[in-house]
């Protein structure tokens, strides 16, 4: 499915679902544009964009050429891509080609999603069930940008070697971490920020959301410097 960069990401997820083309439900309600999605390699609830992408089309103003980069060329990583590095200079994402599954199966192993589906009495989720569950979770956990200015989930979860993770667990037994293989662990940034007492902290007209420690908020007229 070819989608232009200027389209709303969530609008695209919802429209494809309505058209009988599921596969992006876990990425519902992520604010921003389709063109921004590959730059960050957006991800949520057990799925990353790179798993549903065929290629990214970019325009180089210097040469006036369009290039198509496949998934390997995009060098996707955890909230990372080639567009954040040398490929970013002067180039513009103009569209993406999504690769949606012909045989849809739910990606429902993430704890929050499992719990939401269970609370709704859903045993065998449909694409719509999964979409509705993810939207409900995000609306409950994250501030609505139409009501409180924010940039969504702002912080990356730090990735540390096993030895550092074990040392931290000894000192802080409730630390949340995830084994990502290769003797590396992802630490929950939200837990770290809250443990530092910064959930809900305010500095001038900027702050950390009292609902979700990962979100920076504009409390009204905050400048970039204040953020």
Protein backbone atom coordinates (compact mmCIF):
# COMPACT_ATOMS: atom_id res chain seq x y z
CA UNK A 1 0.00 0.00 0.00
CA UNK A 2 1.52 3.30 -1.12
CA UNK A 3 0.93 6.28 1.21
CA UNK A 4 2.09 9.88 0.86
CA UNK A 5 4.24 11.42 3.56
CA UNK A 6 1.76 14.16 4.41
CA UNK A 7 -1.02 11.80 5.47
CA UNK A 8 -2.00 11.46 9.13
CA UNK A 9 -0.46 8.28 10.53
CA UNK A 10 -3.42 7.35 12.72
CA UNK A 11 -5.84 8.29 9.97
CA UNK A 12 -4.01 5.91 7.64
CA UNK A 13 -4.15 3.06 10.17
CA UNK A 14 -7.89 3.60 10.67
CA UNK A 15 -8.65 3.96 6.94
CA UNK A 16 -6.76 0.80 6.00
CA UNK A 17 -8.60 -1.11 8.70
CA UNK A 18 -11.93 0.17 7.35
CA UNK A 19 -10.86 -0.98 3.88
CA UNK A 20 -10.17 -4.52 5.12
CA UNK A 21 -6.38 -4.11 5.15
CA UNK A 22 -5.26 -4.78 8.74
CA UNK A 23 -1.76 -5.10 10.12
CA UNK A 24 -1.02 -1.74 11.72
CA UNK A 25 -3.44 -1.91 14.68
CA UNK A 26 -0.71 -1.91 17.34
CA UNK A 27 0.50 1.44 15.99
CA UNK A 28 -2.88 3.16 16.26
CA UNK A 29 -3.19 6.67 17.72
CA UNK A 30 0.50 7.49 17.39
CA UNK A 31 0.48 11.24 16.60
CA UNK A 32 2.27 12.55 13.54
CA UNK A 33 2.55 12.00 9.82
CA UNK A 34 3.28 9.00 7.65
CA UNK A 35 6.51 10.68 6.57
CA UNK A 36 7.70 10.98 10.14
CA UNK A 37 7.06 7.31 10.90
CA UNK A 38 10.16 5.78 9.22
CA UNK A 39 12.52 8.45 10.56
CA UNK A 40 11.76 7.30 14.11
CA UNK A 41 10.89 3.71 13.19
CA UNK A 42 7.80 4.17 15.31
CA UNK A 43 6.72 1.24 17.43
CA UNK A 44 4.26 0.28 20.15
CA UNK A 45 2.79 -2.78 21.86
CA UNK A 46 5.01 -5.38 20.25
CA UNK A 47 5.23 -4.02 16.69
CA UNK A 48 7.62 -1.69 14.84
CA UNK A 49 7.04 0.04 11.52
CA UNK A 50 10.04 -1.75 9.99
CA UNK A 51 8.05 -5.01 10.25
CA UNK A 52 5.31 -3.58 8.00
CA UNK A 53 7.40 -1.63 5.50
CA UNK A 54 8.49 -2.34 1.93
CA UNK A 55 10.39 0.84 1.08
CA UNK A 56 10.69 4.58 1.68
CA UNK A 57 10.83 7.17 -1.11
CA UNK A 58 13.05 10.19 -0.48
CA UNK A 59 13.71 13.35 -2.47
CA UNK A 60 17.19 14.87 -2.69
CA UNK A 61 16.83 18.62 -3.40
CA UNK A 62 20.52 18.93 -4.23
CA UNK A 63 20.32 16.54 -7.18
CA UNK A 64 16.57 16.76 -7.85
CA UNK A 65 16.31 12.95 -7.73
CA UNK A 66 13.94 10.52 -6.05
CA UNK A 67 15.40 7.43 -4.41
CA UNK A 68 13.61 4.35 -3.09
CA UNK A 69 15.23 2.75 -0.05
CA UNK A 70 14.26 -0.76 0.98
CA UNK A 71 14.11 -1.88 4.62
CA UNK A 72 17.74 -3.00 4.70
CA UNK A 73 18.95 0.31 3.24
CA UNK A 74 16.97 2.22 5.88
CA UNK A 75 19.05 0.55 8.63
CA UNK A 76 16.22 0.51 11.11
CA UNK A 77 16.93 0.08 14.81
CA UNK A 78 15.18 0.85 18.07
CA UNK A 79 13.61 4.28 17.35
CA UNK A 80 16.37 4.80 14.83
CA UNK A 81 17.02 4.79 11.09
CA UNK A 82 19.49 6.01 8.50
CA UNK A 83 17.36 9.17 8.25
CA UNK A 84 18.65 10.27 11.65
CA UNK A 85 22.23 10.02 10.45
CA UNK A 86 24.07 10.64 7.19
CA UNK A 87 21.00 10.12 5.01
CA UNK A 88 19.11 12.86 6.81
CA UNK A 89 21.06 15.83 5.49
CA UNK A 90 18.87 17.76 3.07
CA UNK A 91 16.68 14.80 2.12
CA UNK A 92 12.91 14.65 2.43
CA UNK A 93 10.70 11.59 2.90
CA UNK A 94 7.89 11.85 0.34
CA UNK A 95 6.14 8.51 0.75
CA UNK A 96 6.25 4.94 1.99
CA UNK A 97 5.15 1.58 0.67
CA UNK A 98 3.63 -0.56 3.42
CA UNK A 99 3.81 -4.36 3.31
CA UNK A 100 0.70 -5.59 5.11
CA UNK A 101 0.21 -9.27 5.97
CA UNK A 102 -1.97 -11.27 3.57
CA UNK A 103 -2.71 -13.72 6.39
CA UNK A 104 -3.43 -11.55 9.43
CA UNK A 105 -2.60 -12.79 12.91
CA UNK A 106 -2.90 -10.63 16.04
CA UNK A 107 0.19 -9.28 17.75
CA UNK A 108 -1.30 -9.42 21.22
CA UNK A 109 1.48 -10.66 23.48
CA UNK A 110 2.24 -7.28 25.05
CA UNK A 111 1.03 -7.26 28.67
CA UNK A 112 -1.07 -4.09 28.41
CA UNK A 113 -2.79 -5.39 25.29
CA UNK A 114 -3.41 -8.82 26.81
CA UNK A 115 -4.94 -7.25 29.91
CA UNK A 116 -7.14 -4.87 27.91
CA UNK A 117 -8.48 -7.65 25.71
CA UNK A 118 -9.12 -9.82 28.75
CA UNK A 119 -11.00 -6.98 30.46
CA UNK A 120 -13.15 -6.68 27.33
CA UNK A 121 -13.85 -10.41 27.31
CA UNK A 122 -12.10 -10.89 23.97
CA UNK A 123 -10.52 -14.34 23.53
CA UNK A 124 -9.83 -14.39 19.78
CA UNK A 125 -9.25 -10.74 18.82
CA UNK A 126 -10.15 -9.43 15.39
CA UNK A 127 -8.19 -6.54 13.85
CA UNK A 128 -10.92 -4.17 15.08
CA UNK A 129 -10.70 -5.60 18.61
CA UNK A 130 -6.96 -5.00 18.66
CA UNK A 131 -7.32 -1.49 17.23
CA UNK A 132 -9.95 -0.55 19.82
CA UNK A 133 -7.86 -1.99 22.66
CA UNK A 134 -4.73 -0.05 21.65
CA UNK A 135 -6.67 3.20 21.23
CA UNK A 136 -8.26 2.76 24.67
CA UNK A 137 -4.87 2.08 26.31
CA UNK A 138 -3.26 5.12 24.72
CA UNK A 139 -6.18 7.41 25.55
CA UNK A 140 -6.01 6.26 29.15
CA UNK A 141 -2.25 6.60 29.55
CA UNK A 142 -1.30 9.55 27.35
CA UNK A 143 -2.52 13.17 27.35
CA UNK A 144 -4.59 14.26 24.35
CA UNK A 145 -2.47 16.74 22.33
CA UNK A 146 -5.66 18.64 21.50
CA UNK A 147 -6.05 19.41 25.21
CA UNK A 148 -2.45 19.50 26.48
CA UNK A 149 0.37 20.37 24.13
CA UNK A 150 2.83 17.47 24.03
CA UNK A 151 5.12 15.53 21.75
CA UNK A 152 3.89 12.09 22.74
CA UNK A 153 6.18 9.52 24.32
CA UNK A 154 9.43 11.47 24.22
CA UNK A 155 12.11 9.33 25.90
CA UNK A 156 13.87 6.20 24.63
CA UNK A 157 14.28 3.21 26.91
CA UNK A 158 18.03 2.90 27.67
CA UNK A 159 19.73 -0.31 26.52
CA UNK A 160 22.44 -1.56 28.88
CA UNK A 161 24.63 -4.67 29.21
CA UNK A 162 23.54 -7.45 31.56
CA UNK A 163 26.16 -6.56 34.19
CA UNK A 164 24.89 -2.99 34.51
CA UNK A 165 21.27 -4.15 34.63
CA UNK A 166 22.09 -6.71 37.36
CA UNK A 167 23.92 -4.07 39.39
CA UNK A 168 20.90 -1.76 39.19
CA UNK A 169 18.48 -4.57 40.10
CA UNK A 170 20.54 -5.25 43.24
CA UNK A 171 20.11 -1.61 44.27
CA UNK A 172 16.56 -1.12 42.98
CA UNK A 173 14.70 -4.48 42.95
CA UNK A 174 11.54 -3.00 41.40
CA UNK A 175 13.37 -1.72 38.31
CA UNK A 176 11.50 -2.74 35.14
CA UNK A 177 13.67 -4.26 32.40
CA UNK A 178 13.29 -6.40 29.29
CA UNK A 179 15.73 -8.97 27.91
CA UNK A 180 16.38 -8.12 24.25
CA UNK A 181 19.03 -10.78 23.65
CA UNK A 182 22.76 -10.55 23.20
CA UNK A 183 23.24 -10.07 26.97
CA UNK A 184 21.51 -6.68 26.67
CA UNK A 185 18.51 -5.33 28.53
CA UNK A 186 16.11 -2.47 27.83
CA UNK A 187 15.31 -0.43 30.94
CA UNK A 188 11.91 1.21 31.28
CA UNK A 189 12.55 4.94 30.95
CA UNK A 190 9.17 5.72 32.51
CA UNK A 191 10.14 3.79 35.64
CA UNK A 192 13.50 5.59 35.83
CA UNK A 193 11.94 9.04 35.49
CA UNK A 194 9.25 8.29 38.07
CA UNK A 195 11.82 6.80 40.47
CA UNK A 196 13.72 10.10 40.26
CA UNK A 197 10.59 11.92 41.41
CA UNK A 198 10.15 13.73 38.10
CA UNK A 199 6.70 12.48 37.09
CA UNK A 200 4.55 15.62 37.14
CA UNK A 201 7.57 17.90 37.65
CA UNK A 202 7.16 21.46 36.36
CA UNK A 203 9.85 23.90 35.21
CA UNK A 204 8.38 27.22 34.16
CA UNK A 205 5.64 26.52 31.62
CA UNK A 206 6.99 23.07 30.70
CA UNK A 207 6.82 19.82 32.57
CA UNK A 208 6.52 16.05 32.70
CA UNK A 209 3.00 14.70 32.40
CA UNK A 210 1.52 13.59 35.73
CA UNK A 211 -0.25 10.80 33.82
CA UNK A 212 2.77 9.38 31.98
CA UNK A 213 6.41 10.01 32.89
CA UNK A 214 7.57 9.53 29.29
CA UNK A 215 5.67 12.58 28.05
CA UNK A 216 6.88 16.19 28.09
CA UNK A 217 4.04 18.70 28.14
CA UNK A 218 3.58 22.36 27.31
CA UNK A 219 1.48 23.85 30.10
CA UNK A 220 0.70 26.94 28.01
CA UNK A 221 3.11 29.13 26.08
CA UNK A 222 6.28 27.21 26.92
CA UNK A 223 9.27 28.08 24.77
CA UNK A 224 11.66 25.59 23.18
CA UNK A 225 14.26 26.63 25.76
CA UNK A 226 11.86 25.81 28.60
CA UNK A 227 11.16 22.38 27.10
